[in-house]
């Protein structure tokens, strides 16, 4: 199964950091930190990312 980073998933969904953060209900600063430290992303947030980015959750983490 292919794996991509959370940042790549966001970019592929054609969302800016601010747009994605607003949709996810987090600050853009927090999302930036999470994209650079993926092991801090909670299961709940990963599920939201998958839905918003329109990809299977299993694809998000490399």
N, C-alpha and C. Protein backbone atom coordinates (compact mmCIF):
# COMPACT_ATOMS: atom_id res chain seq x y z
N UNK A 1 0.85 -1.17 0.00
CA UNK A 1 0.00 0.00 0.00
C UNK A 1 0.90 1.24 0.00
N UNK A 2 0.62 2.21 -0.86
CA UNK A 2 1.46 3.40 -0.90
C UNK A 2 1.32 4.21 0.39
N UNK A 3 2.38 4.89 0.75
CA UNK A 3 2.38 5.74 1.95
C UNK A 3 2.89 7.11 1.56
N UNK A 4 2.22 8.16 2.05
CA UNK A 4 2.69 9.52 1.82
C UNK A 4 2.65 10.27 3.15
N UNK A 5 3.35 11.35 3.21
CA UNK A 5 3.35 12.14 4.43
C UNK A 5 2.03 12.90 4.56
N UNK A 6 1.75 13.34 5.76
CA UNK A 6 0.55 14.14 5.99
C UNK A 6 0.60 15.43 5.18
N UNK A 7 1.78 16.02 5.08
CA UNK A 7 1.92 17.25 4.30
C UNK A 7 1.64 16.98 2.83
N UNK A 8 2.18 15.89 2.29
CA UNK A 8 1.94 15.55 0.89
C UNK A 8 0.45 15.30 0.64
N UNK A 9 -0.22 14.66 1.59
CA UNK A 9 -1.65 14.41 1.45
C UNK A 9 -2.42 15.73 1.39
N UNK A 10 -2.03 16.68 2.23
CA UNK A 10 -2.68 17.99 2.22
C UNK A 10 -2.44 18.72 0.91
N UNK A 11 -1.21 18.72 0.45
CA UNK A 11 -0.86 19.39 -0.81
C UNK A 11 -1.59 18.73 -1.98
N UNK A 12 -1.64 17.41 -1.97
CA UNK A 12 -2.36 16.69 -3.04
C UNK A 12 -3.85 17.02 -3.03
N UNK A 13 -4.38 17.35 -1.86
CA UNK A 13 -5.79 17.73 -1.76
C UNK A 13 -5.99 19.20 -2.13
N UNK A 14 -4.91 19.87 -2.53
CA UNK A 14 -4.93 21.27 -2.96
C UNK A 14 -5.42 22.21 -1.86
N UNK A 15 -4.93 21.94 -0.64
CA UNK A 15 -5.29 22.78 0.50
C UNK A 15 -4.04 23.46 1.06
N UNK A 16 -4.20 24.71 1.43
CA UNK A 16 -3.11 25.39 2.12
C UNK A 16 -3.08 24.89 3.55
N UNK A 17 -2.02 25.21 4.25
CA UNK A 17 -1.90 24.85 5.65
C UNK A 17 -3.06 25.46 6.44
N UNK A 18 -3.36 26.71 6.19
CA UNK A 18 -4.45 27.41 6.90
C UNK A 18 -5.81 26.79 6.58
N UNK A 19 -6.07 26.51 5.30
CA UNK A 19 -7.35 25.91 4.92
C UNK A 19 -7.55 24.56 5.59
N UNK A 20 -6.52 23.73 5.55
CA UNK A 20 -6.61 22.40 6.15
C UNK A 20 -6.79 22.50 7.65
N UNK A 21 -6.04 23.39 8.28
CA UNK A 21 -6.15 23.56 9.73
C UNK A 21 -7.56 23.98 10.13
N UNK A 22 -8.15 24.90 9.38
CA UNK A 22 -9.51 25.35 9.66
C UNK A 22 -10.50 24.18 9.54
N UNK A 23 -10.35 23.37 8.50
CA UNK A 23 -11.24 22.22 8.31
C UNK A 23 -11.05 21.16 9.39
N UNK A 24 -9.83 21.04 9.88
CA UNK A 24 -9.51 20.04 10.90
C UNK A 24 -9.80 20.53 12.32
N UNK A 25 -10.02 21.83 12.47
CA UNK A 25 -10.29 22.39 13.78
C UNK A 25 -9.06 22.55 14.66
N UNK A 26 -7.91 22.79 14.03
CA UNK A 26 -6.67 23.04 14.76
C UNK A 26 -6.05 24.32 14.22
N UNK A 27 -5.09 24.87 14.94
CA UNK A 27 -4.40 26.06 14.43
C UNK A 27 -3.44 25.64 13.32
N UNK A 28 -3.12 26.59 12.45
CA UNK A 28 -2.19 26.26 11.38
C UNK A 28 -0.81 25.98 11.95
N UNK A 29 -0.47 26.62 13.07
CA UNK A 29 0.82 26.35 13.70
C UNK A 29 0.88 24.91 14.22
N UNK A 30 -0.21 24.47 14.83
CA UNK A 30 -0.27 23.10 15.34
C UNK A 30 -0.19 22.09 14.20
N UNK A 31 -0.91 22.35 13.12
CA UNK A 31 -0.88 21.44 11.98
C UNK A 31 0.53 21.37 11.39
N UNK A 32 1.21 22.49 11.32
CA UNK A 32 2.58 22.50 10.81
C UNK A 32 3.48 21.62 11.67
N UNK A 33 3.36 21.74 12.99
CA UNK A 33 4.15 20.91 13.90
C UNK A 33 3.82 19.44 13.68
N UNK A 34 2.53 19.13 13.56
CA UNK A 34 2.12 17.73 13.37
C UNK A 34 2.63 17.16 12.05
N UNK A 35 2.61 17.98 10.99
CA UNK A 35 3.10 17.50 9.70
C UNK A 35 4.60 17.18 9.76
N UNK A 36 5.31 17.85 10.63
CA UNK A 36 6.74 17.61 10.77
C UNK A 36 7.07 16.58 11.84
N UNK A 37 6.09 16.15 12.58
CA UNK A 37 6.28 15.17 13.65
C UNK A 37 5.05 14.26 13.68
N UNK A 38 4.90 13.44 12.64
CA UNK A 38 3.69 12.67 12.42
C UNK A 38 3.33 11.70 13.55
N UNK A 39 4.30 11.30 14.34
CA UNK A 39 3.96 10.37 15.41
C UNK A 39 3.12 11.03 16.50
N UNK A 40 2.93 12.34 16.44
CA UNK A 40 2.08 13.05 17.39
C UNK A 40 0.63 13.18 16.91
N UNK A 41 0.33 12.76 15.68
CA UNK A 41 -1.02 12.86 15.14
C UNK A 41 -1.89 11.79 15.81
N UNK A 42 -2.99 12.23 16.40
CA UNK A 42 -3.90 11.30 17.06
C UNK A 42 -4.72 10.51 16.04
N UNK A 43 -5.28 9.42 16.47
CA UNK A 43 -6.12 8.61 15.59
C UNK A 43 -7.31 9.42 15.09
N UNK A 44 -7.91 10.18 15.99
CA UNK A 44 -9.06 10.99 15.59
C UNK A 44 -8.71 12.01 14.53
N UNK A 45 -7.57 12.66 14.69
CA UNK A 45 -7.14 13.65 13.69
C UNK A 45 -6.78 12.97 12.38
N UNK A 46 -6.16 11.80 12.45
CA UNK A 46 -5.82 11.05 11.23
C UNK A 46 -7.09 10.69 10.46
N UNK A 47 -8.14 10.33 11.17
CA UNK A 47 -9.42 10.02 10.51
C UNK A 47 -10.00 11.25 9.82
N UNK A 48 -9.92 12.40 10.50
CA UNK A 48 -10.39 13.65 9.89
C UNK A 48 -9.58 13.99 8.65
N UNK A 49 -8.26 13.83 8.75
CA UNK A 49 -7.38 14.11 7.60
C UNK A 49 -7.77 13.24 6.41
N UNK A 50 -7.97 11.97 6.67
CA UNK A 50 -8.32 11.05 5.58
C UNK A 50 -9.61 11.49 4.90
N UNK A 51 -10.58 11.89 5.69
CA UNK A 51 -11.86 12.32 5.12
C UNK A 51 -11.70 13.61 4.32
N UNK A 52 -11.03 14.59 4.91
CA UNK A 52 -10.87 15.89 4.25
C UNK A 52 -9.96 15.80 3.03
N UNK A 53 -8.90 15.02 3.14
CA UNK A 53 -7.95 14.88 2.03
C UNK A 53 -8.41 13.85 1.00
N UNK A 54 -9.50 13.14 1.32
CA UNK A 54 -10.11 12.16 0.40
C UNK A 54 -9.15 11.04 0.00
N UNK A 55 -8.49 10.49 1.02
CA UNK A 55 -7.63 9.33 0.80
C UNK A 55 -7.82 8.36 1.96
N UNK A 56 -7.52 7.08 1.76
CA UNK A 56 -7.61 6.13 2.87
C UNK A 56 -6.64 6.52 3.99
N UNK A 57 -7.07 6.36 5.23
CA UNK A 57 -6.25 6.74 6.37
C UNK A 57 -4.90 6.03 6.34
N UNK A 58 -4.87 4.79 5.88
CA UNK A 58 -3.63 4.02 5.84
C UNK A 58 -2.59 4.64 4.91
N UNK A 59 -3.00 5.51 4.00
CA UNK A 59 -2.06 6.13 3.06
C UNK A 59 -1.31 7.31 3.67
N UNK A 60 -1.84 7.86 4.75
CA UNK A 60 -1.31 9.13 5.25
C UNK A 60 0.08 9.02 5.86
N UNK A 61 0.34 7.95 6.56
CA UNK A 61 1.61 7.87 7.26
C UNK A 61 2.62 7.06 6.49
N UNK A 62 3.81 7.65 6.33
CA UNK A 62 4.85 6.92 5.61
C UNK A 62 5.62 6.02 6.53
